[in-house]
Amino acid sequence: MNRNTTTVAKLLGVVVFMGGLAWASVPLYDWFCRVTGFGGTTSVAEAGSDEILDRTITIKFDASLERGMPWEFRPVQREMEIRIGETGLAFYEAYNPTDQVVAGQASYNVAPYAAGGYFTKIDCFCFEYQVLQPGERVTMPVSFFVDPEIVNDADGKHAQHITLSYTFHVTDVEEDTALLAPSESGGVN
């Protein structure tokens, strides 16, 4: 191989390597955040905690919309006090005031960030796309608990409250008639 061919091969290898890193960066970052709670990312569990402490913590609820999202979206209650380890159930309300079917996906985070890894969701509307028909209003639940291990964390043990924030984004959902058709119960599909 001559020198020019070797240089081109090395540059092509660098481009392919960098492209691979760019492609893998989003899933790797998502995995990192879920494992560590970095950036306020929450944990997910199949069931509630086995341990409930006498110490309480206030959970605050926040809701916002991405620019261009036509829905109205709000927490049903602004805050609740629960014991650490106790399963909490909160509700958010969404309304589609338009004359079109609108699909959305909620992104979420927790503040303070030190509490992210200890805030554990059992079930959440944010795990799935939400599709609202024209004029449809729905109440969406989120069940959660604060892992008792938070009291052993150097930063987390000082948290007096945790804020759970959701932002709804417009989602392009394929024109799948089963997904976009109204459900028999009148709620979200």
N, C-alpha and C. Protein backbone atom coordinates (compact mmCIF):
# COMPACT_ATOMS: atom_id res chain seq x y z
N MET A 1 0.84 -1.18 0.00
CA MET A 1 0.00 0.00 0.00
C MET A 1 0.88 1.24 0.00
N ASN A 2 0.45 2.20 -0.80
CA ASN A 2 1.24 3.43 -0.78
C ASN A 2 0.75 4.34 0.34
N ARG A 3 1.48 5.37 0.52
CA ARG A 3 1.23 6.27 1.66
C ARG A 3 -0.14 6.94 1.58
N ASN A 4 -0.59 7.36 0.40
CA ASN A 4 -1.90 8.01 0.23
C ASN A 4 -3.04 7.04 0.55
N THR A 5 -2.92 5.80 0.12
CA THR A 5 -3.95 4.80 0.39
C THR A 5 -4.05 4.52 1.89
N THR A 6 -2.92 4.44 2.55
CA THR A 6 -2.90 4.22 4.00
C THR A 6 -3.55 5.38 4.73
N THR A 7 -3.26 6.60 4.32
CA THR A 7 -3.85 7.79 4.95
C THR A 7 -5.36 7.81 4.75
N VAL A 8 -5.82 7.51 3.53
CA VAL A 8 -7.26 7.49 3.25
C VAL A 8 -7.93 6.39 4.08
N ALA A 9 -7.32 5.23 4.19
CA ALA A 9 -7.89 4.13 4.97
C ALA A 9 -8.00 4.51 6.45
N LYS A 10 -6.97 5.17 6.97
CA LYS A 10 -7.02 5.60 8.37
C LYS A 10 -8.09 6.65 8.59
N LEU A 11 -8.19 7.62 7.69
CA LEU A 11 -9.23 8.65 7.81
C LEU A 11 -10.62 8.05 7.70
N LEU A 12 -10.79 7.11 6.79
CA LEU A 12 -12.08 6.44 6.65
C LEU A 12 -12.42 5.66 7.93
N GLY A 13 -11.40 5.01 8.52
CA GLY A 13 -11.61 4.31 9.79
C GLY A 13 -12.03 5.25 10.91
N VAL A 14 -11.42 6.43 10.97
CA VAL A 14 -11.78 7.44 11.98
C VAL A 14 -13.22 7.90 11.77
N VAL A 15 -13.60 8.15 10.51
CA VAL A 15 -14.96 8.61 10.21
C VAL A 15 -15.98 7.54 10.61
N VAL A 16 -15.71 6.28 10.27
CA VAL A 16 -16.63 5.19 10.63
C VAL A 16 -16.70 5.05 12.15
N PHE A 17 -15.57 5.12 12.83
CA PHE A 17 -15.55 5.03 14.30
C PHE A 17 -16.35 6.17 14.93
N MET A 18 -16.13 7.39 14.47
CA MET A 18 -16.86 8.54 15.02
C MET A 18 -18.36 8.43 14.73
N GLY A 19 -18.70 7.96 13.54
CA GLY A 19 -20.12 7.74 13.22
C GLY A 19 -20.75 6.71 14.14
N GLY A 20 -20.00 5.64 14.42
CA GLY A 20 -20.49 4.61 15.35
C GLY A 20 -20.70 5.16 16.75
N LEU A 21 -19.76 5.99 17.21
CA LEU A 21 -19.92 6.62 18.52
C LEU A 21 -21.13 7.54 18.56
N ALA A 22 -21.31 8.32 17.49
CA ALA A 22 -22.47 9.22 17.44
C ALA A 22 -23.76 8.42 17.46
N TRP A 23 -23.81 7.32 16.72
CA TRP A 23 -25.00 6.49 16.67
C TRP A 23 -25.29 5.87 18.04
N ALA A 24 -24.26 5.44 18.74
CA ALA A 24 -24.43 4.76 20.02
C ALA A 24 -24.54 5.71 21.20
N SER A 25 -24.27 6.99 21.01
CA SER A 25 -24.22 7.90 22.15
C SER A 25 -25.56 8.06 22.86
N VAL A 26 -26.65 8.16 22.11
CA VAL A 26 -27.96 8.35 22.74
C VAL A 26 -28.36 7.14 23.59
N PRO A 27 -28.32 5.91 23.05
CA PRO A 27 -28.68 4.79 23.92
C PRO A 27 -27.72 4.59 25.09
N LEU A 28 -26.42 4.85 24.88
CA LEU A 28 -25.47 4.72 25.98
C LEU A 28 -25.71 5.76 27.05
N TYR A 29 -26.00 7.00 26.66
CA TYR A 29 -26.27 8.06 27.63
C TYR A 29 -27.56 7.74 28.39
N ASP A 30 -28.58 7.27 27.67
CA ASP A 30 -29.84 6.90 28.31
C ASP A 30 -29.60 5.80 29.34
N TRP A 31 -28.84 4.77 28.96
CA TRP A 31 -28.52 3.69 29.88
C TRP A 31 -27.77 4.21 31.10
N PHE A 32 -26.77 5.05 30.88
CA PHE A 32 -25.98 5.62 31.96
C PHE A 32 -26.87 6.39 32.94
N CYS A 33 -27.78 7.22 32.40
CA CYS A 33 -28.66 8.02 33.26
C CYS A 33 -29.61 7.14 34.06
N ARG A 34 -30.14 6.09 33.45
CA ARG A 34 -31.06 5.21 34.16
C ARG A 34 -30.36 4.43 35.27
N VAL A 35 -29.12 4.02 35.02
CA VAL A 35 -28.38 3.25 36.02
C VAL A 35 -27.93 4.13 37.18
N THR A 36 -27.48 5.34 36.88
CA THR A 36 -26.91 6.20 37.93
C THR A 36 -27.87 7.24 38.49
N GLY A 37 -28.99 7.50 37.78
CA GLY A 37 -29.88 8.58 38.20
C GLY A 37 -29.35 9.94 37.79
N PHE A 38 -28.29 9.96 36.99
CA PHE A 38 -27.67 11.21 36.56
C PHE A 38 -28.69 12.06 35.81
N GLY A 39 -28.67 13.35 36.08
CA GLY A 39 -29.57 14.27 35.38
C GLY A 39 -31.01 14.13 35.80
N GLY A 40 -31.26 13.52 36.95
CA GLY A 40 -32.63 13.40 37.43
C GLY A 40 -33.41 12.26 36.82
N THR A 41 -32.74 11.34 36.15
CA THR A 41 -33.42 10.20 35.56
C THR A 41 -33.86 9.25 36.66
N THR A 42 -35.08 8.79 36.56
CA THR A 42 -35.65 7.94 37.61
C THR A 42 -35.36 6.46 37.36
N SER A 43 -35.63 5.65 38.37
CA SER A 43 -35.54 4.20 38.25
C SER A 43 -36.94 3.65 37.97
N VAL A 44 -37.00 2.39 37.58
CA VAL A 44 -38.28 1.73 37.32
C VAL A 44 -38.28 0.41 38.07
N ALA A 45 -39.43 0.06 38.67
CA ALA A 45 -39.57 -1.19 39.42
C ALA A 45 -40.89 -1.85 39.06
N GLU A 46 -40.97 -3.14 39.28
CA GLU A 46 -42.20 -3.90 39.02
C GLU A 46 -43.21 -3.75 40.16
N ALA A 47 -42.71 -3.48 41.37
CA ALA A 47 -43.58 -3.39 42.55
C ALA A 47 -43.01 -2.36 43.52
N GLY A 48 -43.79 -2.05 44.53
CA GLY A 48 -43.37 -1.08 45.53
C GLY A 48 -42.25 -1.60 46.42
N SER A 49 -41.79 -0.74 47.30
CA SER A 49 -40.70 -1.06 48.22
C SER A 49 -41.19 -2.00 49.32
N ASP A 50 -40.27 -2.86 49.78
CA ASP A 50 -40.57 -3.75 50.90
C ASP A 50 -40.41 -3.05 52.24
N GLU A 51 -39.73 -1.91 52.22
CA GLU A 51 -39.42 -1.19 53.46
C GLU A 51 -40.04 0.21 53.39
N ILE A 52 -40.74 0.59 54.46
CA ILE A 52 -41.32 1.93 54.55
C ILE A 52 -40.80 2.57 55.83
N LEU A 53 -40.18 3.72 55.69
CA LEU A 53 -39.58 4.42 56.83
C LEU A 53 -40.59 5.38 57.47
N ASP A 54 -40.31 5.82 58.68
CA ASP A 54 -41.16 6.80 59.35
C ASP A 54 -40.92 8.21 58.83
N ARG A 55 -39.80 8.43 58.18
CA ARG A 55 -39.47 9.75 57.63
C ARG A 55 -40.31 10.05 56.39
N THR A 56 -40.81 11.28 56.31
CA THR A 56 -41.62 11.67 55.16
C THR A 56 -40.83 12.59 54.24
N ILE A 57 -41.31 12.69 53.02
CA ILE A 57 -40.72 13.57 52.02
C ILE A 57 -41.86 14.14 51.18
N THR A 58 -41.72 15.37 50.76
CA THR A 58 -42.74 16.01 49.93
C THR A 58 -42.40 15.82 48.46
N ILE A 59 -43.37 15.35 47.70
CA ILE A 59 -43.21 15.19 46.26
C ILE A 59 -44.01 16.31 45.60
N LYS A 60 -43.34 17.09 44.76
CA LYS A 60 -43.98 18.17 44.02
C LYS A 60 -44.12 17.74 42.57
N PHE A 61 -45.17 18.20 41.92
CA PHE A 61 -45.45 17.80 40.55
C PHE A 61 -45.47 19.02 39.64
N ASP A 62 -44.83 18.88 38.49
CA ASP A 62 -44.71 19.97 37.54
C ASP A 62 -45.07 19.45 36.15
N ALA A 63 -45.63 20.31 35.31
CA ALA A 63 -46.00 19.93 33.95
C ALA A 63 -45.72 21.08 33.00
N SER A 64 -45.22 20.73 31.83
CA SER A 64 -44.99 21.73 30.79
C SER A 64 -45.20 21.09 29.42
N LEU A 65 -45.25 21.94 28.41
CA LEU A 65 -45.45 21.49 27.04
C LEU A 65 -44.32 22.00 26.16
N GLU A 66 -43.90 21.16 25.24
CA GLU A 66 -42.94 21.58 24.24
C GLU A 66 -43.62 22.63 23.35
N ARG A 67 -42.83 23.58 22.86
CA ARG A 67 -43.38 24.58 21.95
C ARG A 67 -44.05 23.87 20.77
N GLY A 68 -45.25 24.28 20.46
CA GLY A 68 -45.99 23.67 19.36
C GLY A 68 -46.92 22.54 19.77
N MET A 69 -46.82 22.07 21.00
CA MET A 69 -47.72 21.02 21.49
C MET A 69 -49.04 21.70 21.85
N PRO A 70 -50.14 21.34 21.16
CA PRO A 70 -51.39 22.06 21.35
C PRO A 70 -52.21 21.66 22.58
N TRP A 71 -51.80 20.65 23.31
CA TRP A 71 -52.56 20.19 24.46
C TRP A 71 -52.52 21.18 25.61
N GLU A 72 -53.43 20.97 26.54
CA GLU A 72 -53.34 21.55 27.88
C GLU A 72 -52.90 20.38 28.76
N PHE A 73 -51.98 20.64 29.69
CA PHE A 73 -51.41 19.56 30.49
C PHE A 73 -51.06 20.11 31.87
N ARG A 74 -51.52 19.41 32.93
CA ARG A 74 -51.28 19.89 34.28
C ARG A 74 -51.35 18.74 35.28
N PRO A 75 -50.67 18.91 36.43
CA PRO A 75 -50.85 17.91 37.49
C PRO A 75 -52.19 18.15 38.17
N VAL A 76 -52.86 17.09 38.58
CA VAL A 76 -54.14 17.22 39.27
C VAL A 76 -53.91 17.82 40.66
N GLN A 77 -52.83 17.42 41.33
CA GLN A 77 -52.46 18.04 42.60
C GLN A 77 -51.00 18.46 42.50
N ARG A 78 -50.66 19.55 43.15
CA ARG A 78 -49.32 20.14 43.03
C ARG A 78 -48.27 19.45 43.89
N GLU A 79 -48.69 18.85 45.01
CA GLU A 79 -47.73 18.16 45.87
C GLU A 79 -48.43 17.18 46.78
N MET A 80 -47.65 16.24 47.31
CA MET A 80 -48.14 15.29 48.31
C MET A 80 -46.99 14.91 49.23
N GLU A 81 -47.33 14.57 50.44
CA GLU A 81 -46.33 14.12 51.39
C GLU A 81 -46.51 12.62 51.58
N ILE A 82 -45.42 11.87 51.41
CA ILE A 82 -45.47 10.42 51.60
C ILE A 82 -44.29 10.00 52.47
N ARG A 83 -44.44 8.82 53.05
CA ARG A 83 -43.32 8.25 53.79
C ARG A 83 -42.34 7.65 52.80
N ILE A 84 -41.07 7.71 53.10
CA ILE A 84 -40.05 7.14 52.21
C ILE A 84 -40.27 5.63 52.15
N GLY A 85 -40.39 5.11 50.94
CA GLY A 85 -40.68 3.69 50.70
C GLY A 85 -42.14 3.42 50.43
N GLU A 86 -43.02 4.32 50.82
CA GLU A 86 -44.46 4.17 50.60
C GLU A 86 -44.78 4.42 49.12
N THR A 87 -45.72 3.66 48.58
CA THR A 87 -46.13 3.85 47.19
C THR A 87 -47.10 5.03 47.11
N GLY A 88 -46.77 5.96 46.22
CA GLY A 88 -47.62 7.12 45.98
C GLY A 88 -48.32 6.98 44.64
N LEU A 89 -49.46 7.62 44.51
CA LEU A 89 -50.21 7.62 43.26
C LEU A 89 -50.63 9.05 42.97
N ALA A 90 -50.18 9.56 41.84
CA ALA A 90 -50.50 10.93 41.44
C ALA A 90 -51.12 10.88 40.05
N PHE A 91 -51.82 11.97 39.72
CA PHE A 91 -52.49 12.03 38.42
C PHE A 91 -52.16 13.33 37.71
N TYR A 92 -52.05 13.22 36.40
CA TYR A 92 -51.89 14.37 35.52
C TYR A 92 -53.07 14.37 34.56
N GLU A 93 -53.46 15.55 34.13
CA GLU A 93 -54.58 15.68 33.20
C GLU A 93 -54.10 16.30 31.89
N ALA A 94 -54.55 15.73 30.78
CA ALA A 94 -54.23 16.25 29.46
C ALA A 94 -55.53 16.47 28.69
N TYR A 95 -55.55 17.53 27.91
CA TYR A 95 -56.74 17.87 27.12
C TYR A 95 -56.28 18.29 25.72
N ASN A 96 -56.95 17.75 24.72
CA ASN A 96 -56.67 18.11 23.33
C ASN A 96 -57.78 19.03 22.84
N PRO A 97 -57.56 20.35 22.83
CA PRO A 97 -58.61 21.29 22.43
C PRO A 97 -58.75 21.44 20.91
N THR A 98 -57.93 20.73 20.15
CA THR A 98 -57.95 20.88 18.69
C THR A 98 -59.02 20.00 18.05
N ASP A 99 -59.16 20.14 16.75
CA ASP A 99 -60.09 19.30 16.00
C ASP A 99 -59.33 18.18 15.27
N GLN A 100 -58.11 17.88 15.74
CA GLN A 100 -57.29 16.83 15.14
C GLN A 100 -56.81 15.85 16.21
N VAL A 101 -56.53 14.62 15.77
CA VAL A 101 -55.92 13.64 16.65
C VAL A 101 -54.47 14.09 16.87
N VAL A 102 -54.04 14.12 18.14
CA VAL A 102 -52.67 14.53 18.45
C VAL A 102 -52.04 13.46 19.34
N ALA A 103 -50.87 12.98 18.94
CA ALA A 103 -50.12 12.00 19.71
C ALA A 103 -48.98 12.71 20.45
N GLY A 104 -48.72 12.27 21.66
CA GLY A 104 -47.66 12.89 22.45
C GLY A 104 -46.88 11.86 23.23
N GLN A 105 -45.68 12.26 23.63
CA GLN A 105 -44.83 11.45 24.49
C GLN A 105 -44.28 12.36 25.58
N ALA A 106 -44.33 11.90 26.81
CA ALA A 106 -43.84 12.70 27.93
C ALA A 106 -42.40 12.32 28.24
N SER A 107 -41.56 13.33 28.37
CA SER A 107 -40.22 13.12 28.92
C SER A 107 -40.27 13.61 30.36
N TYR A 108 -39.36 13.16 31.18
CA TYR A 108 -39.44 13.47 32.60
C TYR A 108 -38.07 13.60 33.21
N ASN A 109 -38.03 14.26 34.35
CA ASN A 109 -36.83 14.27 35.19
C ASN A 109 -37.23 14.58 36.62
N VAL A 110 -36.27 14.44 37.49
CA VAL A 110 -36.48 14.65 38.91
C VAL A 110 -35.44 15.64 39.42
N ALA A 111 -35.86 16.53 40.28
CA ALA A 111 -34.93 17.46 40.93
C ALA A 111 -35.16 17.34 42.44
N PRO A 112 -34.15 17.39 43.26
CA PRO A 112 -32.74 17.56 42.90
C PRO A 112 -32.19 16.31 42.23
N TYR A 113 -31.16 16.50 41.42
CA TYR A 113 -30.57 15.39 40.67
C TYR A 113 -30.11 14.26 41.58
N ALA A 114 -29.66 14.58 42.78
CA ALA A 114 -29.18 13.54 43.70
C ALA A 114 -30.28 12.55 44.06
N ALA A 115 -31.54 12.97 43.92
CA ALA A 115 -32.67 12.09 44.25
C ALA A 115 -33.12 11.24 43.07
N GLY A 116 -32.62 11.53 41.86
CA GLY A 116 -33.07 10.85 40.65
C GLY A 116 -32.99 9.34 40.73
N GLY A 117 -31.88 8.82 41.20
CA GLY A 117 -31.70 7.38 41.28
C GLY A 117 -32.54 6.72 42.35
N TYR A 118 -33.13 7.49 43.24
CA TYR A 118 -33.93 6.95 44.34
C TYR A 118 -35.43 7.11 44.11
N PHE A 119 -35.80 7.91 43.12
CA PHE A 119 -37.21 8.08 42.78
C PHE A 119 -37.55 6.97 41.79
N THR A 120 -38.42 6.07 42.20
CA THR A 120 -38.68 4.86 41.41
C THR A 120 -40.13 4.83 40.95
N LYS A 121 -40.31 4.70 39.65
CA LYS A 121 -41.66 4.59 39.09
C LYS A 121 -42.04 3.13 38.95
N ILE A 122 -43.28 2.84 39.31
CA ILE A 122 -43.82 1.50 39.15
C ILE A 122 -44.61 1.44 37.85
N ASP A 123 -45.42 2.45 37.62
CA ASP A 123 -46.20 2.54 36.39
C ASP A 123 -46.36 4.02 36.06
N CYS A 124 -46.35 4.35 34.77
CA CYS A 124 -46.42 5.75 34.39
C CYS A 124 -46.95 5.91 32.98
N PHE A 125 -47.75 6.94 32.80
CA PHE A 125 -48.24 7.29 31.46
C PHE A 125 -47.09 7.62 30.52
N CYS A 126 -45.95 7.99 31.07
CA CYS A 126 -44.79 8.37 30.26
C CYS A 126 -44.11 7.17 29.62
N PHE A 127 -44.48 5.95 29.99
CA PHE A 127 -43.88 4.77 29.41
C PHE A 127 -44.42 4.48 28.01
N GLU A 128 -45.51 5.14 27.62
CA GLU A 128 -46.16 4.88 26.33
C GLU A 128 -46.54 6.19 25.66
N TYR A 129 -46.75 6.11 24.34
CA TYR A 129 -47.30 7.25 23.62
C TYR A 129 -48.72 7.47 24.10
N GLN A 130 -49.16 8.71 24.12
CA GLN A 130 -50.54 9.04 24.46
C GLN A 130 -51.18 9.65 23.22
N VAL A 131 -52.34 9.16 22.85
CA VAL A 131 -53.04 9.66 21.67
C VAL A 131 -54.38 10.20 22.13
N LEU A 132 -54.61 11.49 21.90
CA LEU A 132 -55.87 12.11 22.29
C LEU A 132 -56.66 12.50 21.05
N GLN A 133 -57.91 12.13 21.07
CA GLN A 133 -58.83 12.48 20.00
C GLN A 133 -59.22 13.95 20.15
N PRO A 134 -59.80 14.55 19.11
CA PRO A 134 -60.24 15.95 19.22
C PRO A 134 -61.19 16.14 20.41
N GLY A 135 -60.88 17.12 21.26
CA GLY A 135 -61.73 17.42 22.41
C GLY A 135 -61.61 16.43 23.56
N GLU A 136 -60.74 15.46 23.47
CA GLU A 136 -60.63 14.44 24.52
C GLU A 136 -59.82 14.96 25.71
N ARG A 137 -60.29 14.63 26.91
CA ARG A 137 -59.62 14.95 28.17
C ARG A 137 -59.39 13.64 28.90
N VAL A 138 -58.16 13.42 29.37
CA VAL A 138 -57.85 12.18 30.08
C VAL A 138 -57.11 12.49 31.37
N THR A 139 -57.25 11.59 32.33
CA THR A 139 -56.50 11.64 33.58
C THR A 139 -55.53 10.47 33.52
N MET A 140 -54.24 10.77 33.72
CA MET A 140 -53.19 9.76 33.56
C MET A 140 -52.45 9.56 34.88
N PRO A 141 -52.32 8.30 35.33
CA PRO A 141 -51.68 8.03 36.62
C PRO A 141 -50.18 7.80 36.52
N VAL A 142 -49.52 8.05 37.62
CA VAL A 142 -48.12 7.65 37.81
C VAL A 142 -48.03 7.12 39.24
N SER A 143 -47.55 5.87 39.39
CA SER A 143 -47.33 5.31 40.72
C SER A 143 -45.83 5.20 40.94
N PHE A 144 -45.40 5.47 42.17
CA PHE A 144 -43.99 5.64 42.45
C PHE A 144 -43.70 5.43 43.93
N PHE A 145 -42.42 5.34 44.26
CA PHE A 145 -41.97 5.40 45.65
C PHE A 145 -40.56 5.97 45.67
N VAL A 146 -40.16 6.44 46.83
CA VAL A 146 -38.80 6.91 47.04
C VAL A 146 -38.06 5.79 47.76
N ASP A 147 -37.02 5.29 47.12
CA ASP A 147 -36.25 4.18 47.66
C ASP A 147 -35.66 4.56 49.02
N PRO A 148 -35.88 3.73 50.05
CA PRO A 148 -35.35 4.02 51.38
C PRO A 148 -33.83 4.19 51.41
N GLU A 149 -33.11 3.71 50.42
CA GLU A 149 -31.65 3.87 50.37
C GLU A 149 -31.25 5.34 50.26
N ILE A 150 -32.20 6.22 49.95
CA ILE A 150 -31.88 7.64 49.84
C ILE A 150 -31.32 8.18 51.15
N VAL A 151 -31.75 7.61 52.28
CA VAL A 151 -31.28 8.11 53.57
C VAL A 151 -29.81 7.76 53.84
N ASN A 152 -29.25 6.84 53.05
CA ASN A 152 -27.85 6.46 53.19
C ASN A 152 -26.94 7.18 52.19
N ASP A 153 -27.54 7.97 51.29
CA ASP A 153 -26.77 8.68 50.27
C ASP A 153 -26.28 10.02 50.84
N ALA A 154 -25.02 10.33 50.62
CA ALA A 154 -24.43 11.55 51.19
C ALA A 154 -25.18 12.81 50.74
N ASP A 155 -25.61 12.86 49.50
CA ASP A 155 -26.34 14.03 49.00
C ASP A 155 -27.85 13.87 49.12
N GLY A 156 -28.35 12.69 48.81
CA GLY A 156 -29.79 12.46 48.79
C GLY A 156 -30.47 12.53 50.14
N LYS A 157 -29.75 12.18 51.20
CA LYS A 157 -30.39 12.14 52.52
C LYS A 157 -30.84 13.51 53.02
N HIS A 158 -30.34 14.58 52.42
CA HIS A 158 -30.72 15.92 52.84
C HIS A 158 -31.92 16.48 52.07
N ALA A 159 -32.40 15.74 51.11
CA ALA A 159 -33.54 16.21 50.30
C ALA A 159 -34.80 16.26 51.17
N GLN A 160 -35.43 17.42 51.20
CA GLN A 160 -36.69 17.59 51.93
C GLN A 160 -37.89 17.43 50.99
N HIS A 161 -37.64 17.68 49.70
CA HIS A 161 -38.69 17.49 48.70
C HIS A 161 -38.05 17.06 47.38
N ILE A 162 -38.86 16.43 46.56
CA ILE A 162 -38.46 15.99 45.23
C ILE A 162 -39.50 16.52 44.26
N THR A 163 -39.05 17.09 43.16
CA THR A 163 -39.96 17.58 42.14
C THR A 163 -39.91 16.65 40.94
N LEU A 164 -41.06 16.12 40.56
CA LEU A 164 -41.22 15.28 39.37
C LEU A 164 -41.77 16.15 38.26
N SER A 165 -41.00 16.31 37.20
CA SER A 165 -41.40 17.19 36.09
C SER A 165 -41.61 16.38 34.82
N TYR A 166 -42.68 16.73 34.10
CA TYR A 166 -42.97 16.12 32.80
C TYR A 166 -43.09 17.22 31.76
N THR A 167 -42.61 16.93 30.57
CA THR A 167 -42.82 17.79 29.41
C THR A 167 -43.39 16.92 28.31
N PHE A 168 -44.54 17.32 27.76
CA PHE A 168 -45.14 16.56 26.66
C PHE A 168 -44.66 17.13 25.34
N HIS A 169 -44.30 16.22 24.44
CA HIS A 169 -43.81 16.56 23.11
C HIS A 169 -44.76 15.97 22.07
N VAL A 170 -44.99 16.69 20.97
CA VAL A 170 -45.75 16.15 19.85
C VAL A 170 -44.94 15.00 19.28
N THR A 171 -45.63 13.91 18.96
CA THR A 171 -44.98 12.72 18.41
C THR A 171 -45.60 12.40 17.07
N ASP A 172 -44.76 12.12 16.11
CA ASP A 172 -45.25 11.66 14.81
C ASP A 172 -45.49 10.17 14.90
N VAL A 173 -46.75 9.81 14.94
CA VAL A 173 -47.13 8.41 14.98
C VAL A 173 -47.68 8.06 13.61
N GLU A 174 -47.25 6.92 13.08
CA GLU A 174 -47.72 6.49 11.77
C GLU A 174 -49.25 6.46 11.77
N GLU A 175 -49.82 6.64 10.63
CA GLU A 175 -51.27 6.64 10.48
C GLU A 175 -51.83 5.23 10.66
N ASP A 176 -51.60 4.67 11.82
CA ASP A 176 -52.09 3.33 12.15
C ASP A 176 -53.51 3.49 12.69
N THR A 177 -54.48 2.96 11.99
CA THR A 177 -55.88 3.16 12.37
C THR A 177 -56.18 2.59 13.75
N ALA A 178 -55.50 1.51 14.16
CA ALA A 178 -55.75 0.96 15.49
C ALA A 178 -55.26 1.91 16.57
N LEU A 179 -54.16 2.60 16.32
CA LEU A 179 -53.60 3.51 17.32
C LEU A 179 -54.38 4.82 17.37
N LEU A 180 -54.80 5.31 16.21
CA LEU A 180 -55.44 6.61 16.16
C LEU A 180 -56.96 6.55 16.34
N ALA A 181 -57.53 5.36 16.30
CA ALA A 181 -58.98 5.24 16.49
C ALA A 181 -59.33 5.45 17.95
N PRO A 182 -60.50 6.01 18.22
CA PRO A 182 -60.90 6.18 19.63
C PRO A 182 -61.01 4.83 20.31
N SER A 183 -60.60 4.75 21.56
CA SER A 183 -60.72 3.50 22.30
C SER A 183 -62.16 3.30 22.75
N GLU A 184 -62.51 2.05 23.04
CA GLU A 184 -63.87 1.75 23.46
C GLU A 184 -64.20 2.39 24.81
N SER A 185 -63.18 2.57 25.65
CA SER A 185 -63.42 3.15 26.96
C SER A 185 -63.46 4.66 26.92
N GLY A 186 -63.11 5.25 25.75
CA GLY A 186 -63.12 6.70 25.64
C GLY A 186 -61.85 7.34 26.16
N GLY A 187 -60.88 6.52 26.57
CA GLY A 187 -59.63 7.05 27.11
C GLY A 187 -58.50 6.92 26.12
N VAL A 188 -57.32 6.97 26.64
CA VAL A 188 -56.12 6.90 25.82
C VAL A 188 -55.89 5.47 25.38
N ASN A 189 -55.48 5.28 24.14
CA ASN A 189 -55.15 3.95 23.64
C ASN A 189 -53.83 3.50 24.14
